[in-house]
Amino acid sequence: MVRGRYPVFSGFKKFNKINLGKEKRNEGVYKYYNQDKTLLYVGVSNEVKLRLLSAYYGRSDYAVLENKKKLRQNIAYYKVKYCGLDQARKIEHRIKKQCKYNLN
C-alpha cells in the first residue's frame, strides 16, 4: 500500500522464527521495537529476511558488537517496508534520530 510518497510499513509483527520465515528476501527498511512497542532501531538491507534472521539467531554484528547484543535482547516486535535502497535510505535517515540503538 502506498500513502503519500512512501509505501506504508507493515503492522507490528512478533519477532519470532515463524514470522521471520514468512518475510521476503527483497530490499527494504526494517524497524525493531521493544515489548512496549517503543522504537529501538531502524535499518536498511538488500535482503530484509536475512538481516532479520541474523538478529534473531545472533549472527554477524549481533554476536560481536556490544550495542547489537543489547539490542537483540530487547527486540519483541518488528515492522518491514519493502522498497528500493535509495528510498529505504531516505526513510532510515528520517527515522533513525528517534532510535535508542542507532549510532548516528
N, C-alpha and C. Protein backbone atom coordinates (compact mmCIF):
# COMPACT_ATOMS: atom_id res chain seq x y z
N MET A 1 0.85 -1.17 0.00
CA MET A 1 0.00 0.00 0.00
C MET A 1 0.90 1.24 0.00
N VAL A 2 0.51 2.25 -0.74
CA VAL A 2 1.28 3.49 -0.80
C VAL A 2 0.42 4.63 -0.27
N ARG A 3 0.99 5.36 0.66
CA ARG A 3 0.31 6.54 1.21
C ARG A 3 1.26 7.71 1.03
N GLY A 4 0.87 8.72 0.28
CA GLY A 4 1.77 9.83 0.02
C GLY A 4 2.91 9.37 -0.87
N ARG A 5 4.13 9.75 -0.50
CA ARG A 5 5.30 9.42 -1.32
C ARG A 5 5.89 8.06 -1.01
N TYR A 6 5.64 7.51 0.16
CA TYR A 6 6.30 6.29 0.58
C TYR A 6 5.32 5.15 0.80
N PRO A 7 5.74 3.90 0.50
CA PRO A 7 4.91 2.76 0.86
C PRO A 7 4.77 2.70 2.38
N VAL A 8 3.72 2.10 2.87
CA VAL A 8 3.44 2.05 4.30
C VAL A 8 4.14 0.83 4.93
N PHE A 9 4.63 0.99 6.16
CA PHE A 9 5.22 -0.14 6.89
C PHE A 9 4.14 -1.16 7.20
N SER A 10 4.56 -2.41 7.34
CA SER A 10 3.65 -3.47 7.79
C SER A 10 3.22 -3.15 9.22
N GLY A 11 2.21 -3.83 9.71
CA GLY A 11 1.82 -3.67 11.11
C GLY A 11 2.85 -4.33 12.01
N PHE A 12 2.67 -4.19 13.33
CA PHE A 12 3.58 -4.83 14.28
C PHE A 12 3.51 -6.34 14.11
N LYS A 13 4.68 -6.97 14.05
CA LYS A 13 4.77 -8.42 13.98
C LYS A 13 5.64 -8.89 15.13
N LYS A 14 5.25 -9.99 15.77
CA LYS A 14 6.07 -10.57 16.84
C LYS A 14 7.40 -11.02 16.24
N PHE A 15 8.47 -10.75 16.95
CA PHE A 15 9.81 -11.12 16.49
C PHE A 15 10.05 -12.59 16.84
N ASN A 16 9.57 -13.48 15.96
CA ASN A 16 9.75 -14.91 16.18
C ASN A 16 10.08 -15.61 14.87
N LYS A 17 10.54 -16.83 14.98
CA LYS A 17 11.02 -17.60 13.83
C LYS A 17 9.94 -17.78 12.77
N ILE A 18 8.71 -18.01 13.18
CA ILE A 18 7.62 -18.24 12.23
C ILE A 18 7.38 -16.99 11.38
N ASN A 19 7.24 -15.83 12.02
CA ASN A 19 7.00 -14.59 11.27
C ASN A 19 8.19 -14.23 10.39
N LEU A 20 9.40 -14.40 10.90
CA LEU A 20 10.59 -14.05 10.12
C LEU A 20 10.70 -14.93 8.88
N GLY A 21 10.30 -16.18 9.00
CA GLY A 21 10.34 -17.10 7.87
C GLY A 21 9.40 -16.71 6.74
N LYS A 22 8.39 -15.93 7.03
CA LYS A 22 7.41 -15.50 6.03
C LYS A 22 7.85 -14.25 5.26
N GLU A 23 8.89 -13.58 5.73
CA GLU A 23 9.34 -12.35 5.08
C GLU A 23 10.01 -12.64 3.74
N LYS A 24 10.08 -11.62 2.90
CA LYS A 24 10.70 -11.73 1.58
C LYS A 24 12.19 -11.39 1.68
N ARG A 25 12.95 -11.86 0.71
CA ARG A 25 14.38 -11.54 0.66
C ARG A 25 14.62 -10.26 -0.14
N ASN A 26 13.62 -9.45 -0.29
CA ASN A 26 13.73 -8.20 -1.05
C ASN A 26 14.46 -7.13 -0.25
N GLU A 27 14.82 -6.05 -0.93
CA GLU A 27 15.44 -4.91 -0.25
C GLU A 27 14.37 -4.05 0.40
N GLY A 28 14.77 -3.37 1.48
CA GLY A 28 13.81 -2.52 2.16
C GLY A 28 14.32 -2.02 3.50
N VAL A 29 13.38 -1.53 4.30
CA VAL A 29 13.67 -0.95 5.61
C VAL A 29 12.99 -1.82 6.67
N TYR A 30 13.65 -1.96 7.81
CA TYR A 30 13.05 -2.70 8.93
C TYR A 30 13.21 -1.88 10.20
N LYS A 31 12.27 -2.07 11.13
CA LYS A 31 12.32 -1.37 12.42
C LYS A 31 12.12 -2.39 13.53
N TYR A 32 12.89 -2.26 14.60
CA TYR A 32 12.76 -3.12 15.77
C TYR A 32 12.12 -2.33 16.91
N TYR A 33 11.26 -3.01 17.67
CA TYR A 33 10.55 -2.41 18.80
C TYR A 33 10.71 -3.30 20.04
N ASN A 34 10.61 -2.69 21.22
CA ASN A 34 10.64 -3.47 22.46
C ASN A 34 9.23 -3.94 22.82
N GLN A 35 9.09 -4.52 24.00
CA GLN A 35 7.81 -5.07 24.46
C GLN A 35 6.72 -4.01 24.55
N ASP A 36 7.11 -2.76 24.84
CA ASP A 36 6.16 -1.65 24.94
C ASP A 36 5.88 -0.99 23.59
N LYS A 37 6.44 -1.57 22.54
CA LYS A 37 6.32 -1.05 21.17
C LYS A 37 6.97 0.32 21.02
N THR A 38 8.07 0.51 21.74
CA THR A 38 8.90 1.70 21.60
C THR A 38 9.96 1.40 20.55
N LEU A 39 10.14 2.31 19.61
CA LEU A 39 11.10 2.12 18.53
C LEU A 39 12.52 2.04 19.09
N LEU A 40 13.25 0.98 18.72
CA LEU A 40 14.62 0.78 19.18
C LEU A 40 15.65 1.04 18.09
N TYR A 41 15.34 0.59 16.87
CA TYR A 41 16.35 0.59 15.81
C TYR A 41 15.67 0.58 14.45
N VAL A 42 16.29 1.25 13.49
CA VAL A 42 15.83 1.20 12.10
C VAL A 42 17.05 0.89 11.23
N GLY A 43 16.84 0.06 10.21
CA GLY A 43 17.94 -0.31 9.33
C GLY A 43 17.47 -0.58 7.92
N VAL A 44 18.44 -0.66 7.01
CA VAL A 44 18.20 -0.91 5.60
C VAL A 44 18.96 -2.18 5.22
N SER A 45 18.39 -2.96 4.32
CA SER A 45 19.07 -4.18 3.89
C SER A 45 18.73 -4.52 2.45
N ASN A 46 19.70 -5.15 1.76
CA ASN A 46 19.45 -5.68 0.42
C ASN A 46 18.51 -6.88 0.49
N GLU A 47 18.61 -7.63 1.58
CA GLU A 47 17.76 -8.81 1.79
C GLU A 47 17.23 -8.76 3.22
N VAL A 48 16.07 -8.17 3.38
CA VAL A 48 15.49 -7.93 4.70
C VAL A 48 15.35 -9.22 5.51
N LYS A 49 14.87 -10.28 4.89
CA LYS A 49 14.67 -11.54 5.62
C LYS A 49 15.97 -12.02 6.26
N LEU A 50 17.07 -11.97 5.51
CA LEU A 50 18.34 -12.44 6.05
C LEU A 50 18.83 -11.56 7.19
N ARG A 51 18.61 -10.26 7.09
CA ARG A 51 19.02 -9.35 8.16
C ARG A 51 18.22 -9.62 9.43
N LEU A 52 16.92 -9.83 9.29
CA LEU A 52 16.08 -10.13 10.45
C LEU A 52 16.49 -11.45 11.10
N LEU A 53 16.78 -12.45 10.27
CA LEU A 53 17.21 -13.74 10.81
C LEU A 53 18.57 -13.65 11.50
N SER A 54 19.45 -12.80 10.99
CA SER A 54 20.75 -12.58 11.65
C SER A 54 20.56 -12.04 13.05
N ALA A 55 19.63 -11.11 13.20
CA ALA A 55 19.35 -10.56 14.52
C ALA A 55 18.72 -11.62 15.42
N TYR A 56 17.82 -12.41 14.88
CA TYR A 56 17.13 -13.44 15.66
C TYR A 56 18.10 -14.49 16.19
N TYR A 57 19.00 -14.95 15.32
CA TYR A 57 19.94 -16.01 15.71
C TYR A 57 21.24 -15.48 16.30
N GLY A 58 21.43 -14.18 16.33
CA GLY A 58 22.63 -13.60 16.91
C GLY A 58 23.87 -13.78 16.05
N ARG A 59 23.71 -13.72 14.75
CA ARG A 59 24.84 -13.85 13.83
C ARG A 59 25.42 -12.49 13.50
N SER A 60 26.59 -12.51 12.90
CA SER A 60 27.23 -11.30 12.38
C SER A 60 27.45 -10.28 13.49
N ASP A 61 27.08 -9.03 13.24
CA ASP A 61 27.27 -7.95 14.23
C ASP A 61 26.52 -8.23 15.52
N TYR A 62 25.41 -8.94 15.43
CA TYR A 62 24.59 -9.20 16.61
C TYR A 62 25.27 -10.17 17.58
N ALA A 63 26.36 -10.80 17.15
CA ALA A 63 27.10 -11.72 18.01
C ALA A 63 28.32 -11.06 18.65
N VAL A 64 28.87 -10.03 18.01
CA VAL A 64 30.14 -9.48 18.49
C VAL A 64 30.07 -8.04 19.00
N LEU A 65 29.23 -7.22 18.45
CA LEU A 65 29.16 -5.83 18.88
C LEU A 65 28.27 -5.69 20.11
N GLU A 66 28.80 -5.07 21.15
CA GLU A 66 28.08 -4.96 22.43
C GLU A 66 26.73 -4.26 22.27
N ASN A 67 26.70 -3.19 21.49
CA ASN A 67 25.45 -2.44 21.28
C ASN A 67 24.39 -3.32 20.61
N LYS A 68 24.83 -4.13 19.64
CA LYS A 68 23.89 -5.01 18.92
C LYS A 68 23.42 -6.16 19.81
N LYS A 69 24.29 -6.65 20.69
CA LYS A 69 23.88 -7.71 21.63
C LYS A 69 22.76 -7.20 22.53
N LYS A 70 22.91 -5.99 23.04
CA LYS A 70 21.88 -5.40 23.90
C LYS A 70 20.59 -5.20 23.13
N LEU A 71 20.71 -4.71 21.91
CA LEU A 71 19.54 -4.51 21.06
C LEU A 71 18.79 -5.82 20.87
N ARG A 72 19.51 -6.86 20.50
CA ARG A 72 18.90 -8.16 20.22
C ARG A 72 18.08 -8.67 21.40
N GLN A 73 18.56 -8.46 22.60
CA GLN A 73 17.86 -8.93 23.80
C GLN A 73 16.55 -8.19 24.03
N ASN A 74 16.42 -6.99 23.48
CA ASN A 74 15.23 -6.16 23.72
C ASN A 74 14.18 -6.22 22.61
N ILE A 75 14.49 -6.85 21.49
CA ILE A 75 13.55 -6.87 20.36
C ILE A 75 12.36 -7.79 20.67
N ALA A 76 11.16 -7.24 20.56
CA ALA A 76 9.94 -8.03 20.76
C ALA A 76 9.05 -7.99 19.51
N TYR A 77 9.10 -6.88 18.78
CA TYR A 77 8.29 -6.69 17.58
C TYR A 77 9.15 -6.08 16.48
N TYR A 78 8.65 -6.18 15.26
CA TYR A 78 9.33 -5.53 14.14
C TYR A 78 8.30 -5.11 13.10
N LYS A 79 8.73 -4.22 12.22
CA LYS A 79 7.94 -3.80 11.06
C LYS A 79 8.87 -3.79 9.86
N VAL A 80 8.29 -4.00 8.67
CA VAL A 80 9.07 -4.04 7.44
C VAL A 80 8.38 -3.21 6.38
N LYS A 81 9.20 -2.59 5.53
CA LYS A 81 8.69 -1.90 4.35
C LYS A 81 9.62 -2.27 3.20
N TYR A 82 9.08 -2.90 2.17
CA TYR A 82 9.87 -3.28 1.01
C TYR A 82 9.86 -2.14 0.00
N CYS A 83 11.05 -1.70 -0.37
CA CYS A 83 11.19 -0.63 -1.36
C CYS A 83 12.64 -0.63 -1.84
N GLY A 84 12.94 0.17 -2.84
CA GLY A 84 14.30 0.27 -3.35
C GLY A 84 15.25 0.84 -2.31
N LEU A 85 16.55 0.57 -2.48
CA LEU A 85 17.54 1.01 -1.49
C LEU A 85 17.62 2.52 -1.35
N ASP A 86 17.51 3.24 -2.45
CA ASP A 86 17.56 4.71 -2.36
C ASP A 86 16.44 5.24 -1.48
N GLN A 87 15.25 4.77 -1.73
CA GLN A 87 14.10 5.19 -0.93
C GLN A 87 14.24 4.70 0.51
N ALA A 88 14.73 3.48 0.69
CA ALA A 88 14.91 2.92 2.03
C ALA A 88 15.89 3.76 2.85
N ARG A 89 16.98 4.20 2.23
CA ARG A 89 17.96 5.01 2.96
C ARG A 89 17.40 6.37 3.36
N LYS A 90 16.56 6.94 2.52
CA LYS A 90 15.92 8.21 2.88
C LYS A 90 15.00 8.03 4.08
N ILE A 91 14.25 6.94 4.07
CA ILE A 91 13.34 6.65 5.18
C ILE A 91 14.13 6.41 6.46
N GLU A 92 15.19 5.62 6.36
CA GLU A 92 16.04 5.32 7.52
C GLU A 92 16.61 6.61 8.11
N HIS A 93 17.15 7.45 7.27
CA HIS A 93 17.76 8.71 7.72
C HIS A 93 16.74 9.57 8.47
N ARG A 94 15.52 9.60 7.97
CA ARG A 94 14.46 10.41 8.58
C ARG A 94 14.06 9.87 9.96
N ILE A 95 14.08 8.55 10.13
CA ILE A 95 13.57 7.92 11.34
C ILE A 95 14.64 7.67 12.39
N LYS A 96 15.89 7.45 12.00
CA LYS A 96 16.90 6.92 12.92
C LYS A 96 17.23 7.83 14.10
N LYS A 97 16.92 9.10 14.03
CA LYS A 97 17.19 10.01 15.14
C LYS A 97 16.36 9.67 16.38
N GLN A 98 15.26 8.95 16.19
CA GLN A 98 14.36 8.59 17.30
C GLN A 98 14.78 7.30 18.00
N CYS A 99 15.77 6.60 17.48
CA CYS A 99 16.07 5.24 17.92
C CYS A 99 17.18 5.18 18.97
N LYS A 100 16.98 4.35 19.96
CA LYS A 100 17.92 4.19 21.06
C LYS A 100 19.23 3.55 20.62
N TYR A 101 19.19 2.57 19.73
CA TYR A 101 20.38 1.80 19.39
C TYR A 101 21.03 2.18 18.07
N ASN A 102 20.49 3.13 17.34
CA ASN A 102 21.15 3.58 16.12
C ASN A 102 22.31 4.48 16.49
N LEU A 103 23.45 4.23 15.89
CA LEU A 103 24.61 5.09 16.10
C LEU A 103 24.61 6.11 14.98
N ASN A 104 24.33 7.35 15.30
CA ASN A 104 24.20 8.39 14.26
C ASN A 104 25.53 8.84 13.73
